[in-house]
Every structure is written in structure tokens, then in C-alpha cells.
């Protein structure tokens, strides 16, 4: 981690320390699960302990790190590279499962989908970020479940949890509830028409758009980090359609 940059005089040290630590975490320079000491981090940044402690408290509020008594600080958030990999897998897994769901969906299933969709919109309208993400997860896992492969549903749930649990709840804050509603309308309409190809395309588009928003959002909060390379990487694997 020797490449960590040093501070600029005249700018709030806490603000600078927060940005530098955030960048080190996002780029994977500081890794999840590892313990770091405020003293060690202060030395690397070339500042006193106080701004580093304050920065760590701010990052803890965001759910990016956890301060553990007598053990230092532990990084919770996974790096952007890992986020890209998770979304690549989801883009490969979810569209075929959605196509299968469109073939087997029943009237009762559709009713349940409308209910789940309503929950997403209610949570978003109430500006309940965690609630929106939870409702979104239920919507997608129910869709995956219809494909009839429980292992796929479990894997998809685990991949979603990895991103959600890492303090990356940036999605609802940058999207209107209308935007969130429109985002899934295509999926619902394809299921109502029992159109496998349309369901596959709509899910693929939705997951890709979510990934792009998340990557752009995380990079926007991390000075010096450009989203271009990560967005290009996202497309590398998922454009190879046979």
C-alpha cells in the first residue's frame, strides 16, 4: 500500500484522509477482512492520528469499515473490481433464468410479481433505501426461483448480498422512484406476455444498467478514480454472447 498519496496543505485533513482511505478501499489497495491501525494509516498518509480517526468514523457511518475495539479497523466494502466480477456473473446467469420463468409463469405468480413490484415502489417513494434494495432482491429472487434451479437462486442471492452488505447502498439515493419503477416495467410486461426473449433482454438490460449506475456512483464519490476502465471491463465478458 506504499502508493497511497500524501496530503495537500490548506485543505481539511479529515476530508482529505476520508477521500484517500475511500480511494484505497475502492481500488482494492486496502482489502476486506484485514485489520488496519489508525497509527499505521496516519503514518502512510503523513498526518496525525486525529484526522484519520475522524475519517474512519465517517466511513464507519457509511458502512464501509468497522472500528473494532483493540483490533483497529476492518474494511467491509469489496473493491470495484470484485463488484464488476459479481455483475458480470449476474448478467450471464439471470437472463436465461428469466427466459425460463416467462415460459412457466402462472397467473398467481404474476399477481405475486405485481405485489413485489408495488413494494419496491412504496419503499422508493418513502425514500427508504435499504427497504428498496430488500424489495428489489425479493423481486429478483422470486423470478430466479421460477426457473426451477434452487442452486442458481441461492448463488444469485449470495452475489446480491455481497454487494448490498458492503456499504454500497448508493443506488436509491441517485435514482427517483419513477426511474426505479420504469426499470422493472419491461421485465413485468415480458412476463405478462410470456415472452422468453423479451424477459431475457429486459433482465439483462436492468442488471447492466444497475451495474453501470453503481460503478459510476462509486467512482463519483472517489476522487481520482475513473469509471471508464471499470465500465469497459463490465462489457468484456458479457458481450461474448454465443
C-alpha atoms as a PDB file:
ATOM      1  CA  UNK A   1       0.000   0.000   0.000  1.00  0.00           C
ATOM      2  CA  UNK A   2       3.013   2.265  -0.341  1.00  0.00           C
ATOM      3  CA  UNK A   3       1.409   4.095  -3.284  1.00  0.00           C
ATOM      4  CA  UNK A   4      -1.112   5.859  -1.022  1.00  0.00           C
ATOM      5  CA  UNK A   5      -0.849   9.582  -1.785  1.00  0.00           C
ATOM      6  CA  UNK A   6       0.040  12.203   0.804  1.00  0.00           C
ATOM      7  CA  UNK A   7      -1.997  15.194   1.942  1.00  0.00           C
ATOM      8  CA  UNK A   8      -2.224  18.695   0.426  1.00  0.00           C
ATOM      9  CA  UNK A   9      -1.685  21.619   2.833  1.00  0.00           C
ATOM     10  CA  UNK A  10      -4.595  24.019   3.428  1.00  0.00           C
ATOM     11  CA  UNK A  11      -7.437  21.560   2.833  1.00  0.00           C
ATOM     12  CA  UNK A  12      -9.294  19.934   5.767  1.00  0.00           C
ATOM     13  CA  UNK A  13      -7.148  16.987   6.825  1.00  0.00           C
ATOM     14  CA  UNK A  14     -10.171  14.911   7.829  1.00  0.00           C
ATOM     15  CA  UNK A  15     -11.776  15.445   4.404  1.00  0.00           C
ATOM     16  CA  UNK A  16      -8.527  14.503   2.641  1.00  0.00           C
ATOM     17  CA  UNK A  17      -7.964  11.458   4.826  1.00  0.00           C
ATOM     18  CA  UNK A  18     -11.555  10.319   4.169  1.00  0.00           C
ATOM     19  CA  UNK A  19     -11.111  10.624   0.400  1.00  0.00           C
ATOM     20  CA  UNK A  20      -7.750   8.873   0.392  1.00  0.00           C
ATOM     21  CA  UNK A  21      -8.952   5.985   2.538  1.00  0.00           C
ATOM     22  CA  UNK A  22     -12.099   5.647   0.408  1.00  0.00           C
ATOM     23  CA  UNK A  23      -9.960   5.518  -2.758  1.00  0.00           C
ATOM     24  CA  UNK A  24      -7.641   2.912  -1.217  1.00  0.00           C
ATOM     25  CA  UNK A  25     -10.639   0.730  -0.340  1.00  0.00           C
ATOM     26  CA  UNK A  26     -12.421   1.166  -3.686  1.00  0.00           C
ATOM     27  CA  UNK A  27      -9.280   0.344  -5.653  1.00  0.00           C
ATOM     28  CA  UNK A  28      -8.632  -2.747  -3.524  1.00  0.00           C
ATOM     29  CA  UNK A  29      -5.427  -1.324  -2.034  1.00  0.00           C
ATOM     30  CA  UNK A  30      -6.968  -1.839   1.421  1.00  0.00           C
ATOM     31  CA  UNK A  31      -8.621  -5.240   1.496  1.00  0.00           C
ATOM     32  CA  UNK A  32     -11.773  -6.504   3.252  1.00  0.00           C
ATOM     33  CA  UNK A  33     -11.231  -8.575   6.373  1.00  0.00           C
ATOM     34  CA  UNK A  34      -7.756  -7.144   7.034  1.00  0.00           C
ATOM     35  CA  UNK A  35      -7.219  -5.093  10.195  1.00  0.00           C
ATOM     36  CA  UNK A  36      -5.512  -1.701   9.965  1.00  0.00           C
ATOM     37  CA  UNK A  37      -4.390   0.584  12.778  1.00  0.00           C
ATOM     38  CA  UNK A  38      -5.171   4.298  12.806  1.00  0.00           C
ATOM     39  CA  UNK A  39      -1.491   4.925  13.669  1.00  0.00           C
ATOM     40  CA  UNK A  40      -0.259   2.911  10.683  1.00  0.00           C
ATOM     41  CA  UNK A  41      -2.690   4.631   8.319  1.00  0.00           C
ATOM     42  CA  UNK A  42      -1.758   8.068   9.705  1.00  0.00           C
ATOM     43  CA  UNK A  43       1.932   7.335   9.034  1.00  0.00           C
ATOM     44  CA  UNK A  44       1.204   6.270   5.462  1.00  0.00           C
ATOM     45  CA  UNK A  45      -0.841   9.394   4.801  1.00  0.00           C
ATOM     46  CA  UNK A  46       1.649  11.658   6.517  1.00  0.00           C
ATOM     47  CA  UNK A  47      -0.847  13.142   9.008  1.00  0.00           C
ATOM     48  CA  UNK A  48      -1.557  12.940  12.720  1.00  0.00           C
ATOM     49  CA  UNK A  49      -3.906  10.320  14.144  1.00  0.00           C
ATOM     50  CA  UNK A  50      -6.864  12.643  14.787  1.00  0.00           C
ATOM     51  CA  UNK A  51      -7.947  13.288  11.153  1.00  0.00           C
ATOM     52  CA  UNK A  52      -7.513   9.579  10.385  1.00  0.00           C
ATOM     53  CA  UNK A  53      -9.683   8.606  13.373  1.00  0.00           C
ATOM     54  CA  UNK A  54     -12.331  11.124  12.292  1.00  0.00           C
ATOM     55  CA  UNK A  55     -12.174   9.836   8.706  1.00  0.00           C
ATOM     56  CA  UNK A  56     -12.608   6.249   9.891  1.00  0.00           C
ATOM     57  CA  UNK A  57     -15.655   7.256  11.952  1.00  0.00           C
ATOM     58  CA  UNK A  58     -17.234   8.834   8.848  1.00  0.00           C
ATOM     59  CA  UNK A  59     -16.501   5.719   6.776  1.00  0.00           C
ATOM     60  CA  UNK A  60     -17.952   3.543   9.531  1.00  0.00           C
ATOM     61  CA  UNK A  61     -21.215   5.537   9.367  1.00  0.00           C
ATOM     62  CA  UNK A  62     -21.360   4.722   5.651  1.00  0.00           C
ATOM     63  CA  UNK A  63     -20.875   1.029   6.389  1.00  0.00           C
ATOM     64  CA  UNK A  64     -17.542   0.901   4.551  1.00  0.00           C
ATOM     65  CA  UNK A  65     -15.383  -0.012   7.563  1.00  0.00           C
ATOM     66  CA  UNK A  66     -15.945  -1.274  11.088  1.00  0.00           C
ATOM     67  CA  UNK A  67     -13.939   0.008  14.042  1.00  0.00           C
ATOM     68  CA  UNK A  68     -13.264  -2.943  16.358  1.00  0.00           C
ATOM     69  CA  UNK A  69     -12.156  -2.420  19.939  1.00  0.00           C
ATOM     70  CA  UNK A  70      -8.441  -3.232  20.427  1.00  0.00           C
ATOM     71  CA  UNK A  71      -8.186  -4.634  16.883  1.00  0.00           C
ATOM     72  CA  UNK A  72      -8.100  -1.495  14.778  1.00  0.00           C
ATOM     73  CA  UNK A  73     -10.304  -1.016  11.769  1.00  0.00           C
ATOM     74  CA  UNK A  74     -11.624  -3.638   9.370  1.00  0.00           C
ATOM     75  CA  UNK A  75     -12.623  -2.954   5.777  1.00  0.00           C
ATOM     76  CA  UNK A  76     -16.097  -4.218   4.871  1.00  0.00           C
ATOM     77  CA  UNK A  77     -16.542  -2.932   1.343  1.00  0.00           C
ATOM     78  CA  UNK A  78     -15.299  -5.036  -1.557  1.00  0.00           C
ATOM     79  CA  UNK A  79     -13.308  -3.405  -4.340  1.00  0.00           C
ATOM     80  CA  UNK A  80     -14.793  -2.182  -7.606  1.00  0.00           C
ATOM     81  CA  UNK A  81     -13.026  -4.980  -9.483  1.00  0.00           C
ATOM     82  CA  UNK A  82     -14.938  -7.528  -7.431  1.00  0.00           C
ATOM     83  CA  UNK A  83     -18.186  -5.636  -7.953  1.00  0.00           C
ATOM     84  CA  UNK A  84     -17.607  -5.774 -11.714  1.00  0.00           C
ATOM     85  CA  UNK A  85     -16.983  -9.530 -11.485  1.00  0.00           C
ATOM     86  CA  UNK A  86     -20.194 -10.057  -9.496  1.00  0.00           C
ATOM     87  CA  UNK A  87     -22.257  -8.133 -12.041  1.00  0.00           C
ATOM     88  CA  UNK A  88     -20.605  -9.995 -14.922  1.00  0.00           C
ATOM     89  CA  UNK A  89     -21.758 -13.271 -13.362  1.00  0.00           C
ATOM     90  CA  UNK A  90     -25.259 -11.910 -12.773  1.00  0.00           C
ATOM     91  CA  UNK A  91     -25.519 -10.722 -16.396  1.00  0.00           C
ATOM     92  CA  UNK A  92     -24.566 -14.233 -17.533  1.00  0.00           C
ATOM     93  CA  UNK A  93     -26.874 -16.058 -15.074  1.00  0.00           C
ATOM     94  CA  UNK A  94     -30.062 -14.051 -14.814  1.00  0.00           C
ATOM     95  CA  UNK A  95     -31.288 -13.528 -18.420  1.00  0.00           C
ATOM     96  CA  UNK A  96     -31.592 -17.278 -19.279  1.00  0.00           C
ATOM     97  CA  UNK A  97     -33.330 -17.873 -15.926  1.00  0.00           C
ATOM     98  CA  UNK A  98     -35.779 -15.040 -16.704  1.00  0.00           C
ATOM     99  CA  UNK A  99     -36.497 -16.578 -20.129  1.00  0.00           C
ATOM    100  CA  UNK A 100     -37.331 -19.875 -18.451  1.00  0.00           C
ATOM    101  CA  UNK A 101     -39.536 -18.104 -15.898  1.00  0.00           C
ATOM    102  CA  UNK A 102     -41.526 -16.466 -18.734  1.00  0.00           C
ATOM    103  CA  UNK A 103     -42.273 -19.936 -20.147  1.00  0.00           C
ATOM    104  CA  UNK A 104     -43.631 -21.400 -16.903  1.00  0.00           C
ATOM    105  CA  UNK A 105     -45.189 -18.384 -15.135  1.00  0.00           C
ATOM    106  CA  UNK A 106     -48.760 -18.755 -13.823  1.00  0.00           C
ATOM    107  CA  UNK A 107     -51.473 -16.198 -13.086  1.00  0.00           C
ATOM    108  CA  UNK A 108     -50.739 -16.453  -9.345  1.00  0.00           C
ATOM    109  CA  UNK A 109     -47.031 -15.875  -9.979  1.00  0.00           C
ATOM    110  CA  UNK A 110     -47.860 -12.718 -11.937  1.00  0.00           C
ATOM    111  CA  UNK A 111     -50.048 -11.461  -9.099  1.00  0.00           C
ATOM    112  CA  UNK A 112     -47.174 -12.013  -6.688  1.00  0.00           C
ATOM    113  CA  UNK A 113     -44.804 -10.135  -9.031  1.00  0.00           C
ATOM    114  CA  UNK A 114     -47.151  -7.149  -9.120  1.00  0.00           C
ATOM    115  CA  UNK A 115     -47.245  -7.202  -5.316  1.00  0.00           C
ATOM    116  CA  UNK A 116     -43.423  -7.329  -5.079  1.00  0.00           C
ATOM    117  CA  UNK A 117     -43.114  -4.563  -7.675  1.00  0.00           C
ATOM    118  CA  UNK A 118     -45.533  -2.444  -5.612  1.00  0.00           C
ATOM    119  CA  UNK A 119     -43.350  -2.952  -2.547  1.00  0.00           C
ATOM    120  CA  UNK A 120     -40.291  -1.639  -4.410  1.00  0.00           C
ATOM    121  CA  UNK A 121     -42.220   1.475  -5.471  1.00  0.00           C
ATOM    122  CA  UNK A 122     -43.617   2.096  -1.969  1.00  0.00           C
ATOM    123  CA  UNK A 123     -40.181   1.815  -0.370  1.00  0.00           C
ATOM    124  CA  UNK A 124     -38.647   4.082  -3.033  1.00  0.00           C
ATOM    125  CA  UNK A 125     -41.447   6.650  -2.681  1.00  0.00           C
ATOM    126  CA  UNK A 126     -40.811   6.710   1.080  1.00  0.00           C
ATOM    127  CA  UNK A 127     -37.084   7.201   0.355  1.00  0.00           C
ATOM    128  CA  UNK A 128     -36.317   4.010   2.265  1.00  0.00           C
ATOM    129  CA  UNK A 129     -33.019   2.995   0.639  1.00  0.00           C
ATOM    130  CA  UNK A 130     -32.451  -0.313   2.477  1.00  0.00           C
ATOM    131  CA  UNK A 131     -36.151  -1.203   2.068  1.00  0.00           C
ATOM    132  CA  UNK A 132     -35.987  -0.541  -1.674  1.00  0.00           C
ATOM    133  CA  UNK A 133     -32.959  -2.798  -2.044  1.00  0.00           C
ATOM    134  CA  UNK A 134     -34.563  -5.541   0.041  1.00  0.00           C
ATOM    135  CA  UNK A 135     -37.792  -5.410  -2.016  1.00  0.00           C
ATOM    136  CA  UNK A 136     -35.743  -5.420  -5.219  1.00  0.00           C
ATOM    137  CA  UNK A 137     -33.882  -8.508  -4.051  1.00  0.00           C
ATOM    138  CA  UNK A 138     -37.157 -10.332  -3.282  1.00  0.00           C
ATOM    139  CA  UNK A 139     -38.480  -9.437  -6.746  1.00  0.00           C
ATOM    140  CA  UNK A 140     -35.410 -10.872  -8.482  1.00  0.00           C
ATOM    141  CA  UNK A 141     -35.083 -13.960  -6.302  1.00  0.00           C
ATOM    142  CA  UNK A 142     -38.733 -14.834  -6.932  1.00  0.00           C
ATOM    143  CA  UNK A 143     -38.025 -14.509 -10.663  1.00  0.00           C
ATOM    144  CA  UNK A 144     -34.943 -16.711 -10.379  1.00  0.00           C
ATOM    145  CA  UNK A 145     -36.938 -19.240  -8.341  1.00  0.00           C
ATOM    146  CA  UNK A 146     -39.394 -19.749 -11.204  1.00  0.00           C
ATOM    147  CA  UNK A 147     -36.557 -21.055 -13.377  1.00  0.00           C
ATOM    148  CA  UNK A 148     -36.612 -24.176 -11.203  1.00  0.00           C
ATOM    149  CA  UNK A 149     -32.937 -24.274 -10.249  1.00  0.00           C
ATOM    150  CA  UNK A 150     -32.652 -23.684  -6.466  1.00  0.00           C
ATOM    151  CA  UNK A 151     -28.864 -23.618  -6.593  1.00  0.00           C
ATOM    152  CA  UNK A 152     -28.963 -20.787  -9.116  1.00  0.00           C
ATOM    153  CA  UNK A 153     -31.355 -18.836  -6.865  1.00  0.00           C
ATOM    154  CA  UNK A 154     -29.067 -19.333  -3.849  1.00  0.00           C
ATOM    155  CA  UNK A 155     -25.987 -18.263  -5.815  1.00  0.00           C
ATOM    156  CA  UNK A 156     -27.759 -15.183  -7.169  1.00  0.00           C
ATOM    157  CA  UNK A 157     -28.867 -14.247  -3.638  1.00  0.00           C
ATOM    158  CA  UNK A 158     -25.308 -14.599  -2.335  1.00  0.00           C
ATOM    159  CA  UNK A 159     -23.916 -12.421  -5.129  1.00  0.00           C
ATOM    160  CA  UNK A 160     -26.509  -9.733  -4.374  1.00  0.00           C
ATOM    161  CA  UNK A 161     -25.754  -9.864  -0.631  1.00  0.00           C
ATOM    162  CA  UNK A 162     -22.053  -9.336  -1.297  1.00  0.00           C
ATOM    163  CA  UNK A 163     -22.739  -6.018  -2.985  1.00  0.00           C
ATOM    164  CA  UNK A 164     -25.523  -4.940  -0.608  1.00  0.00           C
ATOM    165  CA  UNK A 165     -23.642  -5.745   2.569  1.00  0.00           C
ATOM    166  CA  UNK A 166     -20.612  -3.745   1.556  1.00  0.00           C
ATOM    167  CA  UNK A 167     -21.991  -0.297   2.252  1.00  0.00           C
ATOM    168  CA  UNK A 168     -22.802   0.203  -1.406  1.00  0.00           C
ATOM    169  CA  UNK A 169     -26.320   1.487  -0.938  1.00  0.00           C
ATOM    170  CA  UNK A 170     -25.633   4.269  -3.408  1.00  0.00           C
ATOM    171  CA  UNK A 171     -28.333   3.207  -5.854  1.00  0.00           C
ATOM    172  CA  UNK A 172     -31.590   4.543  -4.396  1.00  0.00           C
ATOM    173  CA  UNK A 173     -30.052   7.879  -3.444  1.00  0.00           C
ATOM    174  CA  UNK A 174     -29.257   8.735  -7.072  1.00  0.00           C
ATOM    175  CA  UNK A 175     -32.452   7.414  -8.632  1.00  0.00           C
ATOM    176  CA  UNK A 176     -36.027   8.621  -8.461  1.00  0.00           C
ATOM    177  CA  UNK A 177     -38.808   6.205  -7.541  1.00  0.00           C
ATOM    178  CA  UNK A 178     -40.235   6.718 -11.057  1.00  0.00           C
ATOM    179  CA  UNK A 179     -36.909   5.698 -12.539  1.00  0.00           C
ATOM    180  CA  UNK A 180     -36.896   2.554 -10.359  1.00  0.00           C
ATOM    181  CA  UNK A 181     -40.454   1.741 -11.457  1.00  0.00           C
ATOM    182  CA  UNK A 182     -39.690   2.120 -15.148  1.00  0.00           C
ATOM    183  CA  UNK A 183     -36.591  -0.010 -14.735  1.00  0.00           C
ATOM    184  CA  UNK A 184     -38.635  -3.137 -13.975  1.00  0.00           C
ATOM    185  CA  UNK A 185     -41.694  -2.409 -16.063  1.00  0.00           C
ATOM    186  CA  UNK A 186     -40.096  -4.085 -19.091  1.00  0.00           C
ATOM    187  CA  UNK A 187     -39.491  -7.249 -17.058  1.00  0.00           C
ATOM    188  CA  UNK A 188     -43.106  -7.316 -15.838  1.00  0.00           C
ATOM    189  CA  UNK A 189     -44.554  -6.726 -19.307  1.00  0.00           C
ATOM    190  CA  UNK A 190     -42.419  -9.502 -20.818  1.00  0.00           C
ATOM    191  CA  UNK A 191     -43.593 -11.909 -18.105  1.00  0.00           C
ATOM    192  CA  UNK A 192     -47.230 -10.894 -18.659  1.00  0.00           C
ATOM    193  CA  UNK A 193     -46.820 -11.666 -22.391  1.00  0.00           C
ATOM    194  CA  UNK A 194     -44.970 -14.901 -21.523  1.00  0.00           C
ATOM    195  CA  UNK A 195     -42.226 -13.787 -23.918  1.00  0.00           C
ATOM    196  CA  UNK A 196     -38.934 -15.548 -23.031  1.00  0.00           C
ATOM    197  CA  UNK A 197     -36.711 -13.451 -25.323  1.00  0.00           C
ATOM    198  CA  UNK A 198     -38.175 -10.164 -24.101  1.00  0.00           C
ATOM    199  CA  UNK A 199     -37.849 -11.285 -20.456  1.00  0.00           C
ATOM    200  CA  UNK A 200     -34.212 -12.232 -21.020  1.00  0.00           C
ATOM    201  CA  UNK A 201     -33.438  -8.909 -22.737  1.00  0.00           C
ATOM    202  CA  UNK A 202     -35.260  -6.849 -20.080  1.00  0.00           C
ATOM    203  CA  UNK A 203     -33.402  -8.534 -17.190  1.00  0.00           C
ATOM    204  CA  UNK A 204     -30.068  -8.211 -18.971  1.00  0.00           C
ATOM    205  CA  UNK A 205     -30.695  -4.507 -19.575  1.00  0.00           C
ATOM    206  CA  UNK A 206     -31.831  -3.947 -15.991  1.00  0.00           C
ATOM    207  CA  UNK A 207     -28.814  -5.661 -14.388  1.00  0.00           C
ATOM    208  CA  UNK A 208     -26.388  -3.936 -16.778  1.00  0.00           C
ATOM    209  CA  UNK A 209     -27.931  -0.539 -16.039  1.00  0.00           C
ATOM    210  CA  UNK A 210     -27.749  -1.167 -12.270  1.00  0.00           C
ATOM    211  CA  UNK A 211     -24.093  -2.156 -12.588  1.00  0.00           C
ATOM    212  CA  UNK A 212     -23.245   0.931 -14.633  1.00  0.00           C
ATOM    213  CA  UNK A 213     -25.029   3.234 -12.155  1.00  0.00           C
ATOM    214  CA  UNK A 214     -23.276   1.605  -9.225  1.00  0.00           C
ATOM    215  CA  UNK A 215     -19.819   1.828 -10.843  1.00  0.00           C
ATOM    216  CA  UNK A 216     -20.374   5.454 -11.859  1.00  0.00           C
ATOM    217  CA  UNK A 217     -21.758   6.315  -8.398  1.00  0.00           C
ATOM    218  CA  UNK A 218     -18.845   4.753  -6.519  1.00  0.00           C
ATOM    219  CA  UNK A 219     -16.283   6.422  -8.817  1.00  0.00           C
ATOM    220  CA  UNK A 220     -18.010   9.807  -8.466  1.00  0.00           C
ATOM    221  CA  UNK A 221     -17.552   9.563  -4.674  1.00  0.00           C
ATOM    222  CA  UNK A 222     -13.912   8.545  -5.054  1.00  0.00           C
ATOM    223  CA  UNK A 223     -11.692  11.372  -6.352  1.00  0.00           C
ATOM    224  CA  UNK A 224      -9.101  10.291  -8.891  1.00  0.00           C
ATOM    225  CA  UNK A 225     -10.954   7.115  -9.852  1.00  0.00           C
ATOM    226  CA  UNK A 226     -12.261   6.988 -13.422  1.00  0.00           C
ATOM    227  CA  UNK A 227     -15.273   4.799 -14.174  1.00  0.00           C
ATOM    228  CA  UNK A 228     -14.263   4.238 -17.835  1.00  0.00           C
ATOM    229  CA  UNK A 229     -11.928   1.299 -17.203  1.00  0.00           C
ATOM    230  CA  UNK A 230     -14.448  -0.441 -14.927  1.00  0.00           C
ATOM    231  CA  UNK A 231     -17.339   0.088 -17.364  1.00  0.00           C
ATOM    232  CA  UNK A 232     -15.222  -1.315 -20.196  1.00  0.00           C
ATOM    233  CA  UNK A 233     -14.342  -4.312 -18.030  1.00  0.00           C
ATOM    234  CA  UNK A 234     -18.027  -4.918 -17.279  1.00  0.00           C
ATOM    235  CA  UNK A 235     -18.698  -5.310 -21.002  1.00  0.00           C
ATOM    236  CA  UNK A 236     -15.711  -7.566 -21.765  1.00  0.00           C
ATOM    237  CA  UNK A 237     -17.230 -10.819 -20.545  1.00  0.00           C
ATOM    238  CA  UNK A 238     -20.883 -10.050 -21.023  1.00  0.00           C
ATOM    239  CA  UNK A 239     -20.647  -9.072 -24.686  1.00  0.00           C
ATOM    240  CA  UNK A 240     -19.396 -12.530 -25.613  1.00  0.00           C
ATOM    241  CA  UNK A 241     -22.779 -13.955 -26.481  1.00  0.00           C
ATOM    242  CA  UNK A 242     -22.760 -17.128 -28.492  1.00  0.00           C
END
